[in-house]
Amino acid sequence: MVLQILYVHKTRPILIFIDAMAAQAYRRVPSVPIGTGTSSSRESVSLVDSQRRKDRSAMAAKVSDKIHAAFWVGLGIFTIVQSSLIPTMLNDPTVHRLFFNLAVICFTINCVLLGYLAVYLPCMRVTTPWDIYCPRVIPTVTIIFLVGGGCMMKALWPGERAKRASLVTKECETPY
């Protein structure tokens, strides 16, 4: 959060920006060593205790975030395994192969572009933000993601091909 103050000095306006988050991050360091017996030592002990509590709650929040992320990733893997999504995509004759291959190509392009942004640019020590250094990458990734998602839905949607496949299997069955 940035607080903006307009200060008029004689004939020129001056803008002053105050970053409230930086002001909150400032930590008071006790000026008197702990255990000297003065009233300020009690204040410094309470400051140290409050800082420890803040550090502990920040660590607990980080651990909680990691546990939640691990839970959702595990749930996604469980769903994919239990629904046999991968073997269905690769082996089922009702999958429309043209749209499936287009979706795989779009996914690969997105992985390459995101690898460029997340791995290559930091390795080359580019500190300029992505939207300034390469402004067309994020819109390109978005468009390719939408096209790939549409192709994947078209490829896996059980439409006319599924109906035709079920008719063919019914005709091929021999009665007992």
C-alpha atoms as a PDB file:
ATOM      1  CA  MET A   1       0.000   0.000   0.000  1.00  0.00           C
ATOM      2  CA  VAL A   2       1.493   3.346  -1.022  1.00  0.00           C
ATOM      3  CA  LEU A   3       0.382   6.592   0.567  1.00  0.00           C
ATOM      4  CA  GLN A   4       0.748   9.573  -1.698  1.00  0.00           C
ATOM      5  CA  ILE A   5       1.027  13.066  -0.238  1.00  0.00           C
ATOM      6  CA  LEU A   6       0.986  16.218  -2.308  1.00  0.00           C
ATOM      7  CA  TYR A   7       3.058  18.975  -0.759  1.00  0.00           C
ATOM      8  CA  VAL A   8       3.125  22.416  -2.322  1.00  0.00           C
ATOM      9  CA  HIS A   9       6.398  24.217  -1.792  1.00  0.00           C
ATOM     10  CA  LYS A  10       6.190  27.828  -2.952  1.00  0.00           C
ATOM     11  CA  THR A  11       5.208  27.428  -6.605  1.00  0.00           C
ATOM     12  CA  ARG A  12       6.188  23.772  -7.233  1.00  0.00           C
ATOM     13  CA  PRO A  13       4.078  20.839  -6.114  1.00  0.00           C
ATOM     14  CA  ILE A  14       6.096  17.998  -4.618  1.00  0.00           C
ATOM     15  CA  LEU A  15       4.834  14.436  -4.419  1.00  0.00           C
ATOM     16  CA  ILE A  16       5.937  12.347  -1.461  1.00  0.00           C
ATOM     17  CA  PHE A  17       5.439   8.582  -1.572  1.00  0.00           C
ATOM     18  CA  ILE A  18       5.381   6.655   1.674  1.00  0.00           C
ATOM     19  CA  ASP A  19       5.430   2.901   1.553  1.00  0.00           C
ATOM     20  CA  ALA A  20       3.300   1.722   4.470  1.00  0.00           C
ATOM     21  CA  MET A  21       4.516  -1.868   4.145  1.00  0.00           C
ATOM     22  CA  ALA A  22       8.129  -0.786   4.584  1.00  0.00           C
ATOM     23  CA  ALA A  23       7.134   1.151   7.685  1.00  0.00           C
ATOM     24  CA  GLN A  24       5.487  -1.979   9.138  1.00  0.00           C
ATOM     25  CA  ALA A  25       8.537  -4.095   8.351  1.00  0.00           C
ATOM     26  CA  TYR A  26      10.700  -1.784  10.483  1.00  0.00           C
ATOM     27  CA  ARG A  27      11.611  -3.502  13.727  1.00  0.00           C
ATOM     28  CA  ARG A  28      12.638  -1.718  16.896  1.00  0.00           C
ATOM     29  CA  VAL A  29      15.946  -2.919  18.308  1.00  0.00           C
ATOM     30  CA  PRO A  30      16.315  -2.646  22.090  1.00  0.00           C
ATOM     31  CA  SER A  31      18.927  -0.077  23.060  1.00  0.00           C
ATOM     32  CA  VAL A  32      19.581  -1.573  26.518  1.00  0.00           C
ATOM     33  CA  PRO A  33      20.885  -5.144  26.854  1.00  0.00           C
ATOM     34  CA  ILE A  34      18.392  -7.596  28.282  1.00  0.00           C
ATOM     35  CA  GLY A  35      18.712  -8.256  32.001  1.00  0.00           C
ATOM     36  CA  THR A  36      20.079  -4.869  33.180  1.00  0.00           C
ATOM     37  CA  GLY A  37      17.220  -4.456  35.682  1.00  0.00           C
ATOM     38  CA  THR A  38      15.782  -1.179  34.379  1.00  0.00           C
ATOM     39  CA  SER A  39      12.199  -0.620  33.300  1.00  0.00           C
ATOM     40  CA  SER A  40      13.376  -0.343  29.697  1.00  0.00           C
ATOM     41  CA  SER A  41      14.724  -3.909  29.927  1.00  0.00           C
ATOM     42  CA  ARG A  42      11.172  -5.109  30.584  1.00  0.00           C
ATOM     43  CA  GLU A  43      10.102  -3.245  27.470  1.00  0.00           C
ATOM     44  CA  SER A  44      12.927  -4.799  25.466  1.00  0.00           C
ATOM     45  CA  VAL A  45      12.010  -8.281  26.729  1.00  0.00           C
ATOM     46  CA  SER A  46       8.399  -7.710  25.684  1.00  0.00           C
ATOM     47  CA  LEU A  47       9.617  -6.467  22.287  1.00  0.00           C
ATOM     48  CA  VAL A  48      11.729  -9.598  21.829  1.00  0.00           C
ATOM     49  CA  ASP A  49       8.819 -11.819  22.899  1.00  0.00           C
ATOM     50  CA  SER A  50       6.412 -10.077  20.554  1.00  0.00           C
ATOM     51  CA  GLN A  51       8.927 -10.412  17.717  1.00  0.00           C
ATOM     52  CA  ARG A  52       9.319 -14.129  18.448  1.00  0.00           C
ATOM     53  CA  ARG A  53       5.539 -14.533  18.407  1.00  0.00           C
ATOM     54  CA  LYS A  54       5.357 -12.725  15.062  1.00  0.00           C
ATOM     55  CA  ASP A  55       8.146 -14.888  13.640  1.00  0.00           C
ATOM     56  CA  ARG A  56       6.436 -18.040  14.917  1.00  0.00           C
ATOM     57  CA  SER A  57       3.069 -17.050  13.419  1.00  0.00           C
ATOM     58  CA  ALA A  58       4.738 -16.194  10.088  1.00  0.00           C
ATOM     59  CA  MET A  59       6.437 -19.609  10.078  1.00  0.00           C
ATOM     60  CA  ALA A  60       3.120 -21.295  10.935  1.00  0.00           C
ATOM     61  CA  ALA A  61       1.446 -19.479   8.033  1.00  0.00           C
ATOM     62  CA  LYS A  62       4.170 -20.656   5.633  1.00  0.00           C
ATOM     63  CA  VAL A  63       3.880 -24.252   6.841  1.00  0.00           C
ATOM     64  CA  SER A  64       0.099 -24.077   6.521  1.00  0.00           C
ATOM     65  CA  ASP A  65       0.398 -22.818   2.938  1.00  0.00           C
ATOM     66  CA  LYS A  66       2.770 -25.670   2.067  1.00  0.00           C
ATOM     67  CA  ILE A  67       0.457 -28.264   3.633  1.00  0.00           C
ATOM     68  CA  HIS A  68      -2.540 -26.900   1.713  1.00  0.00           C
ATOM     69  CA  ALA A  69      -0.584 -26.912  -1.553  1.00  0.00           C
ATOM     70  CA  ALA A  70       0.584 -30.493  -0.957  1.00  0.00           C
ATOM     71  CA  PHE A  71      -3.004 -31.542  -0.189  1.00  0.00           C
ATOM     72  CA  TRP A  72      -4.366 -30.104  -3.449  1.00  0.00           C
ATOM     73  CA  VAL A  73      -1.537 -31.545  -5.539  1.00  0.00           C
ATOM     74  CA  GLY A  74      -2.079 -34.939  -3.914  1.00  0.00           C
ATOM     75  CA  LEU A  75      -5.819 -34.715  -4.548  1.00  0.00           C
ATOM     76  CA  GLY A  76      -5.181 -33.901  -8.215  1.00  0.00           C
ATOM     77  CA  ILE A  77      -2.813 -36.842  -8.611  1.00  0.00           C
ATOM     78  CA  PHE A  78      -5.312 -39.140  -6.864  1.00  0.00           C
ATOM     79  CA  THR A  79      -8.086 -37.991  -9.224  1.00  0.00           C
ATOM     80  CA  ILE A  80      -5.948 -38.524 -12.330  1.00  0.00           C
ATOM     81  CA  VAL A  81      -4.876 -41.998 -11.186  1.00  0.00           C
ATOM     82  CA  GLN A  82      -8.339 -43.135 -10.119  1.00  0.00           C
ATOM     83  CA  SER A  83     -10.042 -41.882 -13.285  1.00  0.00           C
ATOM     84  CA  SER A  84      -7.345 -43.483 -15.508  1.00  0.00           C
ATOM     85  CA  LEU A  85      -7.097 -40.241 -17.458  1.00  0.00           C
ATOM     86  CA  ILE A  86      -3.641 -40.839 -18.950  1.00  0.00           C
ATOM     87  CA  PRO A  87      -4.366 -44.313 -20.420  1.00  0.00           C
ATOM     88  CA  THR A  88      -7.703 -43.038 -21.719  1.00  0.00           C
ATOM     89  CA  MET A  89      -6.083 -40.093 -23.478  1.00  0.00           C
ATOM     90  CA  LEU A  90      -3.380 -42.258 -25.028  1.00  0.00           C
ATOM     91  CA  ASN A  91      -5.265 -45.429 -25.963  1.00  0.00           C
ATOM     92  CA  ASP A  92      -8.997 -44.760 -26.266  1.00  0.00           C
ATOM     93  CA  PRO A  93     -10.290 -44.804 -29.872  1.00  0.00           C
ATOM     94  CA  THR A  94     -12.949 -42.178 -29.081  1.00  0.00           C
ATOM     95  CA  VAL A  95     -10.319 -39.468 -28.523  1.00  0.00           C
ATOM     96  CA  HIS A  96     -10.139 -37.079 -31.459  1.00  0.00           C
ATOM     97  CA  ARG A  97      -6.410 -37.287 -32.270  1.00  0.00           C
ATOM     98  CA  LEU A  98      -6.073 -34.052 -34.285  1.00  0.00           C
ATOM     99  CA  PHE A  99      -7.416 -31.882 -31.469  1.00  0.00           C
ATOM    100  CA  PHE A 100      -5.524 -33.880 -28.861  1.00  0.00           C
ATOM    101  CA  ASN A 101      -2.228 -33.358 -30.713  1.00  0.00           C
ATOM    102  CA  LEU A 102      -2.967 -29.623 -31.071  1.00  0.00           C
ATOM    103  CA  ALA A 103      -3.643 -29.429 -27.321  1.00  0.00           C
ATOM    104  CA  VAL A 104      -0.350 -31.201 -26.577  1.00  0.00           C
ATOM    105  CA  ILE A 105       1.501 -28.766 -28.864  1.00  0.00           C
ATOM    106  CA  CYS A 106      -0.119 -25.778 -27.122  1.00  0.00           C
ATOM    107  CA  PHE A 107       0.787 -27.224 -23.710  1.00  0.00           C
ATOM    108  CA  THR A 108       4.397 -27.691 -24.840  1.00  0.00           C
ATOM    109  CA  ILE A 109       4.626 -24.115 -26.132  1.00  0.00           C
ATOM    110  CA  ASN A 110       3.257 -22.836 -22.807  1.00  0.00           C
ATOM    111  CA  CYS A 111       5.823 -24.890 -20.877  1.00  0.00           C
ATOM    112  CA  VAL A 112       8.643 -23.469 -23.000  1.00  0.00           C
ATOM    113  CA  LEU A 113       7.433 -19.868 -22.566  1.00  0.00           C
ATOM    114  CA  LEU A 114       6.936 -20.235 -18.822  1.00  0.00           C
ATOM    115  CA  GLY A 115      10.350 -21.900 -18.544  1.00  0.00           C
ATOM    116  CA  TYR A 116      11.789 -18.882 -20.348  1.00  0.00           C
ATOM    117  CA  LEU A 117      10.163 -16.529 -17.864  1.00  0.00           C
ATOM    118  CA  ALA A 118      10.762 -18.538 -14.693  1.00  0.00           C
ATOM    119  CA  VAL A 119      14.162 -20.147 -15.359  1.00  0.00           C
ATOM    120  CA  TYR A 120      16.054 -18.526 -18.222  1.00  0.00           C
ATOM    121  CA  LEU A 121      15.497 -14.856 -17.338  1.00  0.00           C
ATOM    122  CA  PRO A 122      16.530 -15.265 -13.672  1.00  0.00           C
ATOM    123  CA  CYS A 123      19.600 -17.279 -14.753  1.00  0.00           C
ATOM    124  CA  MET A 124      20.583 -14.419 -17.060  1.00  0.00           C
ATOM    125  CA  ARG A 125      20.048 -12.044 -14.128  1.00  0.00           C
ATOM    126  CA  VAL A 126      17.378  -9.977 -15.861  1.00  0.00           C
ATOM    127  CA  THR A 127      15.854  -7.841 -13.121  1.00  0.00           C
ATOM    128  CA  THR A 128      13.419  -5.921 -15.293  1.00  0.00           C
ATOM    129  CA  PRO A 129       9.797  -7.036 -14.720  1.00  0.00           C
ATOM    130  CA  TRP A 130       8.342  -9.441 -17.286  1.00  0.00           C
ATOM    131  CA  ASP A 131       5.698  -7.022 -18.508  1.00  0.00           C
ATOM    132  CA  ILE A 132       8.394  -4.503 -19.413  1.00  0.00           C
ATOM    133  CA  TYR A 133      11.203  -6.798 -20.606  1.00  0.00           C
ATOM    134  CA  CYS A 134       9.003  -9.039 -22.780  1.00  0.00           C
ATOM    135  CA  PRO A 135       5.491  -7.538 -22.856  1.00  0.00           C
ATOM    136  CA  ARG A 136       3.994  -9.981 -25.393  1.00  0.00           C
ATOM    137  CA  VAL A 137       4.782 -13.239 -23.594  1.00  0.00           C
ATOM    138  CA  ILE A 138       1.944 -13.219 -21.032  1.00  0.00           C
ATOM    139  CA  PRO A 139      -0.815 -12.435 -23.597  1.00  0.00           C
ATOM    140  CA  THR A 140       0.679 -15.097 -25.900  1.00  0.00           C
ATOM    141  CA  VAL A 141       0.664 -17.677 -23.092  1.00  0.00           C
ATOM    142  CA  THR A 142      -2.942 -16.763 -22.286  1.00  0.00           C
ATOM    143  CA  ILE A 143      -4.144 -17.140 -25.869  1.00  0.00           C
ATOM    144  CA  ILE A 144      -2.254 -20.413 -26.370  1.00  0.00           C
ATOM    145  CA  PHE A 145      -3.680 -21.722 -23.083  1.00  0.00           C
ATOM    146  CA  LEU A 146      -7.248 -20.932 -24.184  1.00  0.00           C
ATOM    147  CA  VAL A 147      -6.723 -22.535 -27.603  1.00  0.00           C
ATOM    148  CA  GLY A 148      -5.102 -25.606 -26.040  1.00  0.00           C
ATOM    149  CA  GLY A 149      -7.858 -25.936 -23.445  1.00  0.00           C
ATOM    150  CA  GLY A 150     -10.527 -25.747 -26.143  1.00  0.00           C
ATOM    151  CA  CYS A 151      -8.698 -28.342 -28.234  1.00  0.00           C
ATOM    152  CA  MET A 152      -8.355 -30.650 -25.210  1.00  0.00           C
ATOM    153  CA  MET A 153     -12.071 -30.382 -24.444  1.00  0.00           C
ATOM    154  CA  LYS A 154     -12.939 -31.092 -28.075  1.00  0.00           C
ATOM    155  CA  ALA A 155     -10.528 -34.038 -28.147  1.00  0.00           C
ATOM    156  CA  LEU A 156     -11.811 -35.692 -24.961  1.00  0.00           C
ATOM    157  CA  TRP A 157     -15.509 -34.837 -25.238  1.00  0.00           C
ATOM    158  CA  PRO A 158     -17.524 -37.981 -25.951  1.00  0.00           C
ATOM    159  CA  GLY A 159     -19.430 -36.811 -29.003  1.00  0.00           C
ATOM    160  CA  GLU A 160     -20.269 -38.408 -32.327  1.00  0.00           C
ATOM    161  CA  ARG A 161     -17.102 -40.505 -32.342  1.00  0.00           C
ATOM    162  CA  ALA A 162     -18.139 -42.197 -29.101  1.00  0.00           C
ATOM    163  CA  LYS A 163     -21.586 -42.930 -30.505  1.00  0.00           C
ATOM    164  CA  ARG A 164     -20.072 -44.402 -33.665  1.00  0.00           C
ATOM    165  CA  ALA A 165     -17.587 -46.478 -31.646  1.00  0.00           C
ATOM    166  CA  SER A 166     -20.355 -47.878 -29.441  1.00  0.00           C
ATOM    167  CA  LEU A 167     -22.427 -48.777 -32.523  1.00  0.00           C
ATOM    168  CA  VAL A 168     -19.467 -50.557 -34.100  1.00  0.00           C
ATOM    169  CA  THR A 169     -18.820 -52.616 -30.971  1.00  0.00           C
ATOM    170  CA  LYS A 170     -22.488 -53.572 -30.705  1.00  0.00           C
ATOM    171  CA  GLU A 171     -22.541 -54.737 -34.334  1.00  0.00           C
ATOM    172  CA  CYS A 172     -19.361 -56.775 -33.887  1.00  0.00           C
ATOM    173  CA  GLU A 173     -20.581 -58.666 -30.822  1.00  0.00           C
ATOM    174  CA  THR A 174     -21.690 -62.225 -31.461  1.00  0.00           C
ATOM    175  CA  PRO A 175     -24.825 -63.389 -29.675  1.00  0.00           C
ATOM    176  CA  TYR A 176     -24.584 -66.427 -27.434  1.00  0.00           C
END
